[in-house]
């Protein structure tokens, strides 16, 4: 009979709690973040550079649907702020978009002139094979032409990791 070291089940639980949870991420980290940034440091892309997006996560926008919208666009329309042929258009003021694949997702404001003033966002979703690395892929400088703002905290991952640590401590696996 094979003996399984006590650390292996704990490690497997740590992976399960830390990396399997899909998250709802408020764009920019706050309800009022979907707006024209006043500086490059307030851009949503600056926010997104510090965040690791995973397949299954959802982005959530909060905004006045009577004055603005969120357009999901391709790279070319993102770079040129072309609002005429979006992949998807959201106007409800409480938009939720699931990140259902790895790779870049491009979003711009549908309000006249807002994209040109930097109200845009590109997020890069990690592929499943890269989901456990500690490095966050940042958009290339070409994708960052123009300002934008980005993601929220990783409190969910921290909570899962703390639960595993408490469980390990309580049951004396180490």
Protein backbone atom coordinates (compact mmCIF):
# COMPACT_ATOMS: atom_id res chain seq x y z
CA UNK A 1 0.00 0.00 0.00
CA UNK A 2 1.39 3.38 -0.99
CA UNK A 3 1.70 6.03 1.68
CA UNK A 4 0.73 9.55 0.62
CA UNK A 5 2.79 12.24 2.32
CA UNK A 6 0.62 14.50 4.51
CA UNK A 7 1.65 17.60 2.56
CA UNK A 8 0.17 16.42 -0.76
CA UNK A 9 -3.55 16.63 0.23
CA UNK A 10 -2.96 20.07 1.77
CA UNK A 11 -1.20 21.26 -1.38
CA UNK A 12 -4.06 19.98 -3.53
CA UNK A 13 -6.59 21.82 -1.35
CA UNK A 14 -4.53 24.99 -1.56
CA UNK A 15 -4.62 24.81 -5.36
CA UNK A 16 -8.35 24.12 -5.33
CA UNK A 17 -9.22 27.09 -3.09
CA UNK A 18 -6.72 29.53 -4.56
CA UNK A 19 -7.19 29.09 -8.25
CA UNK A 20 -10.58 27.61 -9.09
CA UNK A 21 -12.81 30.49 -8.10
CA UNK A 22 -14.23 32.64 -10.89
CA UNK A 23 -14.39 36.24 -9.78
CA UNK A 24 -16.59 39.25 -10.46
CA UNK A 25 -14.22 42.16 -10.89
CA UNK A 26 -15.51 45.73 -10.75
CA UNK A 27 -13.75 47.63 -13.52
CA UNK A 28 -11.35 50.12 -12.03
CA UNK A 29 -12.07 48.83 -8.54
CA UNK A 30 -14.98 51.20 -7.91
CA UNK A 31 -18.45 52.00 -9.17
CA UNK A 32 -17.40 55.35 -10.64
CA UNK A 33 -14.29 54.19 -12.54
CA UNK A 34 -15.87 54.02 -16.03
CA UNK A 35 -15.17 57.65 -16.91
CA UNK A 36 -12.72 59.79 -18.84
CA UNK A 37 -9.46 59.66 -16.85
CA UNK A 38 -7.93 62.95 -15.76
CA UNK A 39 -4.39 61.60 -16.25
CA UNK A 40 -2.53 58.56 -17.61
CA UNK A 41 -1.96 57.34 -14.04
CA UNK A 42 -5.75 57.15 -13.58
CA UNK A 43 -6.26 55.12 -16.76
CA UNK A 44 -8.10 51.82 -16.60
CA UNK A 45 -5.22 50.19 -18.46
CA UNK A 46 -2.89 51.17 -15.61
CA UNK A 47 -5.28 49.36 -13.28
CA UNK A 48 -5.49 46.31 -15.57
CA UNK A 49 -1.70 45.95 -15.80
CA UNK A 50 -1.55 45.02 -12.13
CA UNK A 51 -4.27 42.36 -12.30
CA UNK A 52 -4.26 38.73 -13.44
CA UNK A 53 -7.46 37.94 -15.33
CA UNK A 54 -8.46 34.30 -15.72
CA UNK A 55 -10.89 32.45 -17.97
CA UNK A 56 -14.25 32.45 -16.17
CA UNK A 57 -13.76 35.82 -14.44
CA UNK A 58 -16.38 38.50 -15.15
CA UNK A 59 -15.83 42.22 -15.54
CA UNK A 60 -18.53 44.45 -14.03
CA UNK A 61 -19.10 48.06 -15.05
CA UNK A 62 -21.27 50.50 -13.08
CA UNK A 63 -22.22 53.69 -14.96
CA UNK A 64 -25.11 55.94 -15.96
CA UNK A 65 -26.70 54.02 -18.85
CA UNK A 66 -28.44 57.18 -20.07
CA UNK A 67 -25.12 58.96 -20.65
CA UNK A 68 -22.59 56.23 -21.47
CA UNK A 69 -22.18 52.68 -22.67
CA UNK A 70 -19.55 49.95 -22.91
CA UNK A 71 -18.55 48.66 -26.33
CA UNK A 72 -16.57 45.48 -26.78
CA UNK A 73 -14.51 45.95 -29.94
CA UNK A 74 -11.63 44.41 -31.87
CA UNK A 75 -8.05 45.67 -31.57
CA UNK A 76 -8.24 47.96 -34.60
CA UNK A 77 -11.42 49.66 -33.39
CA UNK A 78 -9.90 49.97 -29.91
CA UNK A 79 -6.82 51.74 -31.27
CA UNK A 80 -8.85 54.05 -33.54
CA UNK A 81 -11.80 54.53 -31.12
CA UNK A 82 -14.22 53.35 -33.79
CA UNK A 83 -17.69 52.97 -32.21
CA UNK A 84 -19.57 52.08 -35.42
CA UNK A 85 -19.21 48.27 -35.39
CA UNK A 86 -18.85 46.88 -31.87
CA UNK A 87 -18.72 43.15 -31.19
CA UNK A 88 -21.16 43.82 -28.31
CA UNK A 89 -22.84 46.98 -27.01
CA UNK A 90 -23.96 47.39 -23.40
CA UNK A 91 -26.15 50.31 -22.24
CA UNK A 92 -27.81 49.07 -19.05
CA UNK A 93 -25.56 50.87 -16.53
CA UNK A 94 -24.72 47.60 -14.79
CA UNK A 95 -22.80 45.58 -17.37
CA UNK A 96 -21.29 42.17 -16.69
CA UNK A 97 -19.04 40.51 -19.26
CA UNK A 98 -17.65 37.01 -18.75
CA UNK A 99 -14.06 36.49 -19.92
CA UNK A 100 -14.68 33.19 -21.68
CA UNK A 101 -11.33 32.66 -23.41
CA UNK A 102 -7.68 33.52 -23.02
CA UNK A 103 -6.18 36.48 -24.85
CA UNK A 104 -6.98 40.19 -25.09
CA UNK A 105 -10.41 41.77 -24.68
CA UNK A 106 -10.91 45.38 -25.85
CA UNK A 107 -13.52 47.82 -24.48
CA UNK A 108 -14.23 51.47 -25.27
CA UNK A 109 -16.81 54.02 -24.19
CA UNK A 110 -19.73 54.52 -26.54
CA UNK A 111 -20.19 58.18 -25.51
CA UNK A 112 -19.03 60.72 -28.11
CA UNK A 113 -15.38 61.66 -27.67
CA UNK A 114 -14.83 59.66 -24.47
CA UNK A 115 -12.64 56.95 -26.04
CA UNK A 116 -10.41 59.59 -27.63
CA UNK A 117 -9.95 61.08 -24.15
CA UNK A 118 -8.85 57.71 -22.78
CA UNK A 119 -12.03 56.00 -21.60
CA UNK A 120 -11.01 52.57 -22.82
CA UNK A 121 -9.74 49.29 -21.44
CA UNK A 122 -7.80 46.28 -22.64
CA UNK A 123 -7.51 43.20 -20.43
CA UNK A 124 -5.38 40.16 -21.15
CA UNK A 125 -6.79 36.86 -19.90
CA UNK A 126 -4.24 34.21 -18.95
CA UNK A 127 -4.44 30.88 -20.70
CA UNK A 128 -5.24 27.93 -18.41
CA UNK A 129 -1.66 26.65 -18.73
CA UNK A 130 -0.36 29.97 -17.37
CA UNK A 131 -2.97 30.43 -14.68
CA UNK A 132 -0.70 29.52 -11.74
CA UNK A 133 2.22 31.82 -12.50
CA UNK A 134 2.91 34.88 -10.42
CA UNK A 135 3.52 37.11 -13.43
CA UNK A 136 0.79 39.30 -14.86
CA UNK A 137 1.00 39.92 -18.61
CA UNK A 138 0.80 43.61 -19.36
CA UNK A 139 -0.65 44.88 -22.63
CA UNK A 140 1.93 45.91 -25.18
CA UNK A 141 2.62 49.65 -25.62
CA UNK A 142 0.81 49.56 -28.97
CA UNK A 143 -2.36 48.43 -27.19
CA UNK A 144 -2.01 51.24 -24.69
CA UNK A 145 -2.26 54.13 -27.12
CA UNK A 146 -4.55 56.42 -25.18
CA UNK A 147 -5.48 56.35 -21.50
CA UNK A 148 -7.80 53.93 -19.65
CA UNK A 149 -8.37 52.47 -16.11
CA UNK A 150 -8.47 48.87 -14.65
CA UNK A 151 -9.18 45.91 -11.96
CA UNK A 152 -10.04 45.20 -8.31
CA UNK A 153 -8.38 43.46 -5.40
CA UNK A 154 -7.57 39.80 -5.09
CA UNK A 155 -9.34 39.47 -1.75
CA UNK A 156 -11.11 36.29 -2.90
CA UNK A 157 -7.80 34.52 -3.50
CA UNK A 158 -6.47 35.78 -0.18
CA UNK A 159 -9.58 34.53 1.61
CA UNK A 160 -9.23 31.07 0.02
CA UNK A 161 -5.55 30.88 0.93
CA UNK A 162 -6.27 31.90 4.52
CA UNK A 163 -8.96 29.25 4.84
CA UNK A 164 -6.55 26.57 3.67
CA UNK A 165 -3.86 27.81 6.06
CA UNK A 166 -6.32 27.70 8.98
CA UNK A 167 -7.46 24.23 7.97
CA UNK A 168 -3.86 22.99 7.77
CA UNK A 169 -3.09 24.53 11.16
CA UNK A 170 -6.25 23.14 12.77
CA UNK A 171 -5.69 19.59 11.56
CA UNK A 172 -1.92 19.61 11.95
CA UNK A 173 -1.01 18.49 8.48
CA UNK A 174 2.48 19.96 8.80
